[in-house]
Amino acid sequence: MKILWTYGSKGAVISGAVSAVGTALVAMLGGWDQPLKALLLFMLMDFALGVLAAAKRGELDSKVSFWGGINKLLLLCFVAVGVVLDGILPLEDPYCRTAVIFFYVGREGLSMVENYGKLGGVMPEFLRSLLAQLKENNNERSKN
């Protein structure tokens, strides 16, 4: 079997560093569980569908994509804040972290559906009008 790529002489150091960083990130986010996996999947799907929708419309912009990625990283920072709040509040279960994750899973889900619609995907009319109302409300709030 031909080896296509190796770490070279520093393989153990690189593997160890990647493992340490991954472990620290997962610990900051409260552990590797189903809610976190769902959030990460929804974030990835939303980002991918957003890029595809922008490409289809001829509106692909690296600056917009960059800030979309920054937004996803900040979202994970809010999950970390929820972990910290759970640590200082006298609660037995991670209520704050879970609430933050569920909120953002819902938000990412709505964004995924909206991007799917921009790609020309079939959506029920009630969902299309609901998304239009949410967008209108958001535009009104941003004006104020």
C-alpha atoms as a PDB file:
ATOM      1  CA  MET A   1       0.000   0.000   0.000  1.00  0.00           C
ATOM      2  CA  LYS A   2       1.382   3.380  -0.986  1.00  0.00           C
ATOM      3  CA  ILE A   3       1.340   6.078   1.694  1.00  0.00           C
ATOM      4  CA  LEU A   4       0.155   9.351   0.186  1.00  0.00           C
ATOM      5  CA  TRP A   5       0.933  11.642   3.107  1.00  0.00           C
ATOM      6  CA  THR A   6       2.496  11.418   6.552  1.00  0.00           C
ATOM      7  CA  TYR A   7       3.136  13.823   9.385  1.00  0.00           C
ATOM      8  CA  GLY A   8       6.844  13.193   9.040  1.00  0.00           C
ATOM      9  CA  SER A   9       9.133  13.183  12.048  1.00  0.00           C
ATOM     10  CA  LYS A  10       6.782  15.388  14.088  1.00  0.00           C
ATOM     11  CA  GLY A  11       3.739  13.152  13.708  1.00  0.00           C
ATOM     12  CA  ALA A  12       3.269  12.464  17.397  1.00  0.00           C
ATOM     13  CA  VAL A  13       3.578  16.164  18.259  1.00  0.00           C
ATOM     14  CA  ILE A  14       1.002  17.186  15.646  1.00  0.00           C
ATOM     15  CA  SER A  15      -1.405  14.409  16.674  1.00  0.00           C
ATOM     16  CA  GLY A  16      -1.019  15.323  20.316  1.00  0.00           C
ATOM     17  CA  ALA A  17      -1.595  19.010  19.646  1.00  0.00           C
ATOM     18  CA  VAL A  18      -4.728  18.349  17.576  1.00  0.00           C
ATOM     19  CA  SER A  19      -6.050  16.029  20.304  1.00  0.00           C
ATOM     20  CA  ALA A  20      -5.339  18.565  23.051  1.00  0.00           C
ATOM     21  CA  VAL A  21      -7.042  21.416  21.193  1.00  0.00           C
ATOM     22  CA  GLY A  22     -10.061  19.251  20.339  1.00  0.00           C
ATOM     23  CA  THR A  23     -10.405  18.066  23.919  1.00  0.00           C
ATOM     24  CA  ALA A  24     -10.167  21.627  25.267  1.00  0.00           C
ATOM     25  CA  LEU A  25     -12.809  22.893  22.807  1.00  0.00           C
ATOM     26  CA  VAL A  26     -15.215  20.076  23.633  1.00  0.00           C
ATOM     27  CA  ALA A  27     -14.708  20.702  27.358  1.00  0.00           C
ATOM     28  CA  MET A  28     -15.433  24.421  26.854  1.00  0.00           C
ATOM     29  CA  LEU A  29     -18.664  23.498  25.070  1.00  0.00           C
ATOM     30  CA  GLY A  30     -19.809  21.220  27.875  1.00  0.00           C
ATOM     31  CA  GLY A  31     -19.044  17.815  26.373  1.00  0.00           C
ATOM     32  CA  TRP A  32     -19.628  15.870  23.187  1.00  0.00           C
ATOM     33  CA  ASP A  33     -23.310  14.947  23.325  1.00  0.00           C
ATOM     34  CA  GLN A  34     -26.304  14.785  20.986  1.00  0.00           C
ATOM     35  CA  PRO A  35     -27.414  18.428  21.415  1.00  0.00           C
ATOM     36  CA  LEU A  36     -23.930  19.689  20.525  1.00  0.00           C
ATOM     37  CA  LYS A  37     -23.720  17.301  17.563  1.00  0.00           C
ATOM     38  CA  ALA A  38     -27.129  18.523  16.351  1.00  0.00           C
ATOM     39  CA  LEU A  39     -26.059  22.158  16.659  1.00  0.00           C
ATOM     40  CA  LEU A  40     -22.830  21.561  14.749  1.00  0.00           C
ATOM     41  CA  LEU A  41     -24.686  19.661  12.011  1.00  0.00           C
ATOM     42  CA  PHE A  42     -27.284  22.441  11.681  1.00  0.00           C
ATOM     43  CA  MET A  43     -24.527  25.073  11.568  1.00  0.00           C
ATOM     44  CA  LEU A  44     -22.659  23.178   8.855  1.00  0.00           C
ATOM     45  CA  MET A  45     -25.817  22.575   6.806  1.00  0.00           C
ATOM     46  CA  ASP A  46     -26.883  26.219   7.110  1.00  0.00           C
ATOM     47  CA  PHE A  47     -23.464  27.466   6.032  1.00  0.00           C
ATOM     48  CA  ALA A  48     -23.325  25.051   3.083  1.00  0.00           C
ATOM     49  CA  LEU A  49     -26.870  25.857   1.929  1.00  0.00           C
ATOM     50  CA  GLY A  50     -26.159  29.582   2.278  1.00  0.00           C
ATOM     51  CA  VAL A  51     -23.066  29.305   0.093  1.00  0.00           C
ATOM     52  CA  LEU A  52     -24.968  27.218  -2.479  1.00  0.00           C
ATOM     53  CA  ALA A  53     -27.898  29.674  -2.533  1.00  0.00           C
ATOM     54  CA  ALA A  54     -25.552  32.635  -2.974  1.00  0.00           C
ATOM     55  CA  ALA A  55     -23.674  30.830  -5.754  1.00  0.00           C
ATOM     56  CA  LYS A  56     -26.925  30.023  -7.546  1.00  0.00           C
ATOM     57  CA  ARG A  57     -28.004  33.677  -7.435  1.00  0.00           C
ATOM     58  CA  GLY A  58     -24.558  34.900  -8.496  1.00  0.00           C
ATOM     59  CA  GLU A  59     -24.122  36.697  -5.163  1.00  0.00           C
ATOM     60  CA  LEU A  60     -21.226  34.671  -3.746  1.00  0.00           C
ATOM     61  CA  ASP A  61     -19.068  37.028  -1.682  1.00  0.00           C
ATOM     62  CA  SER A  62     -16.041  35.985   0.366  1.00  0.00           C
ATOM     63  CA  LYS A  63     -16.602  38.807   2.852  1.00  0.00           C
ATOM     64  CA  VAL A  64     -20.169  37.665   3.543  1.00  0.00           C
ATOM     65  CA  SER A  65     -18.987  34.053   3.893  1.00  0.00           C
ATOM     66  CA  PHE A  66     -16.206  35.135   6.259  1.00  0.00           C
ATOM     67  CA  TRP A  67     -18.614  37.012   8.520  1.00  0.00           C
ATOM     68  CA  GLY A  68     -21.040  34.101   8.370  1.00  0.00           C
ATOM     69  CA  GLY A  69     -18.246  31.864   9.667  1.00  0.00           C
ATOM     70  CA  ILE A  70     -17.432  34.388  12.407  1.00  0.00           C
ATOM     71  CA  ASN A  71     -21.114  34.373  13.359  1.00  0.00           C
ATOM     72  CA  LYS A  72     -20.992  30.573  13.737  1.00  0.00           C
ATOM     73  CA  LEU A  73     -17.912  30.839  15.988  1.00  0.00           C
ATOM     74  CA  LEU A  74     -19.625  33.457  18.143  1.00  0.00           C
ATOM     75  CA  LEU A  75     -22.618  31.161  18.426  1.00  0.00           C
ATOM     76  CA  LEU A  76     -20.315  28.522  19.939  1.00  0.00           C
ATOM     77  CA  CYS A  77     -19.025  31.176  22.352  1.00  0.00           C
ATOM     78  CA  PHE A  78     -22.593  31.609  23.598  1.00  0.00           C
ATOM     79  CA  VAL A  79     -22.755  27.865  24.220  1.00  0.00           C
ATOM     80  CA  ALA A  80     -19.566  28.220  26.292  1.00  0.00           C
ATOM     81  CA  VAL A  81     -21.221  31.060  28.237  1.00  0.00           C
ATOM     82  CA  GLY A  82     -24.123  28.718  28.946  1.00  0.00           C
ATOM     83  CA  VAL A  83     -21.650  26.141  30.289  1.00  0.00           C
ATOM     84  CA  VAL A  84     -20.128  28.754  32.598  1.00  0.00           C
ATOM     85  CA  LEU A  85     -23.568  29.854  33.814  1.00  0.00           C
ATOM     86  CA  ASP A  86     -24.480  26.255  34.561  1.00  0.00           C
ATOM     87  CA  GLY A  87     -21.289  25.999  36.615  1.00  0.00           C
ATOM     88  CA  ILE A  88     -22.071  28.998  38.810  1.00  0.00           C
ATOM     89  CA  LEU A  89     -25.797  28.467  39.248  1.00  0.00           C
ATOM     90  CA  PRO A  90     -27.033  25.932  41.799  1.00  0.00           C
ATOM     91  CA  LEU A  91     -28.549  23.642  39.178  1.00  0.00           C
ATOM     92  CA  GLU A  92     -28.131  19.896  38.891  1.00  0.00           C
ATOM     93  CA  ASP A  93     -28.510  19.756  35.102  1.00  0.00           C
ATOM     94  CA  PRO A  94     -27.065  21.959  32.321  1.00  0.00           C
ATOM     95  CA  TYR A  95     -30.199  24.054  31.757  1.00  0.00           C
ATOM     96  CA  CYS A  96     -28.494  27.197  30.438  1.00  0.00           C
ATOM     97  CA  ARG A  97     -26.301  25.349  27.935  1.00  0.00           C
ATOM     98  CA  THR A  98     -29.255  23.283  26.757  1.00  0.00           C
ATOM     99  CA  ALA A  99     -31.456  26.365  26.324  1.00  0.00           C
ATOM    100  CA  VAL A 100     -28.748  28.141  24.320  1.00  0.00           C
ATOM    101  CA  ILE A 101     -28.212  25.090  22.101  1.00  0.00           C
ATOM    102  CA  PHE A 102     -31.927  24.534  21.494  1.00  0.00           C
ATOM    103  CA  PHE A 103     -32.455  28.209  20.654  1.00  0.00           C
ATOM    104  CA  TYR A 104     -29.646  28.195  18.100  1.00  0.00           C
ATOM    105  CA  VAL A 105     -30.669  24.836  16.641  1.00  0.00           C
ATOM    106  CA  GLY A 106     -34.082  26.400  15.962  1.00  0.00           C
ATOM    107  CA  ARG A 107     -32.555  29.532  14.476  1.00  0.00           C
ATOM    108  CA  GLU A 108     -30.164  27.555  12.279  1.00  0.00           C
ATOM    109  CA  GLY A 109     -33.044  25.301  11.220  1.00  0.00           C
ATOM    110  CA  LEU A 110     -35.103  28.280  10.070  1.00  0.00           C
ATOM    111  CA  SER A 111     -32.106  29.645   8.191  1.00  0.00           C
ATOM    112  CA  MET A 112     -31.572  26.252   6.539  1.00  0.00           C
ATOM    113  CA  VAL A 113     -35.176  26.178   5.350  1.00  0.00           C
ATOM    114  CA  GLU A 114     -34.865  29.743   4.049  1.00  0.00           C
ATOM    115  CA  ASN A 115     -31.674  28.901   2.143  1.00  0.00           C
ATOM    116  CA  TYR A 116     -33.290  25.743   0.791  1.00  0.00           C
ATOM    117  CA  GLY A 117     -36.124  27.909  -0.531  1.00  0.00           C
ATOM    118  CA  LYS A 118     -33.594  30.237  -2.190  1.00  0.00           C
ATOM    119  CA  LEU A 119     -32.171  27.186  -3.948  1.00  0.00           C
ATOM    120  CA  GLY A 120     -35.619  26.536  -5.404  1.00  0.00           C
ATOM    121  CA  GLY A 121     -36.572  23.748  -3.032  1.00  0.00           C
ATOM    122  CA  VAL A 122     -40.260  23.037  -2.577  1.00  0.00           C
ATOM    123  CA  MET A 123     -41.717  24.605   0.570  1.00  0.00           C
ATOM    124  CA  PRO A 124     -45.276  24.711   1.843  1.00  0.00           C
ATOM    125  CA  GLU A 125     -46.888  28.126   1.358  1.00  0.00           C
ATOM    126  CA  PHE A 126     -47.488  28.644   5.101  1.00  0.00           C
ATOM    127  CA  LEU A 127     -43.770  28.184   5.752  1.00  0.00           C
ATOM    128  CA  ARG A 128     -42.833  30.550   2.937  1.00  0.00           C
ATOM    129  CA  SER A 129     -45.159  33.255   4.328  1.00  0.00           C
ATOM    130  CA  LEU A 130     -43.906  32.664   7.880  1.00  0.00           C
ATOM    131  CA  LEU A 131     -40.306  33.193   6.743  1.00  0.00           C
ATOM    132  CA  ALA A 132     -41.346  36.364   4.903  1.00  0.00           C
ATOM    133  CA  GLN A 133     -42.994  37.682   8.098  1.00  0.00           C
ATOM    134  CA  LEU A 134     -39.910  36.894  10.162  1.00  0.00           C
ATOM    135  CA  LYS A 135     -37.698  38.656   7.628  1.00  0.00           C
ATOM    136  CA  GLU A 136     -40.009  41.685   7.613  1.00  0.00           C
ATOM    137  CA  ASN A 137     -39.997  41.860  11.426  1.00  0.00           C
ATOM    138  CA  ASN A 138     -36.222  41.589  11.457  1.00  0.00           C
ATOM    139  CA  ASN A 139     -35.916  44.419   8.894  1.00  0.00           C
ATOM    140  CA  GLU A 140     -38.208  46.637  10.998  1.00  0.00           C
ATOM    141  CA  ARG A 141     -36.143  45.979  14.133  1.00  0.00           C
ATOM    142  CA  SER A 142     -32.886  46.750  12.353  1.00  0.00           C
ATOM    143  CA  LYS A 143     -34.258  50.126  11.225  1.00  0.00           C
ATOM    144  CA  ASN A 144     -35.045  51.163  14.825  1.00  0.00           C
END
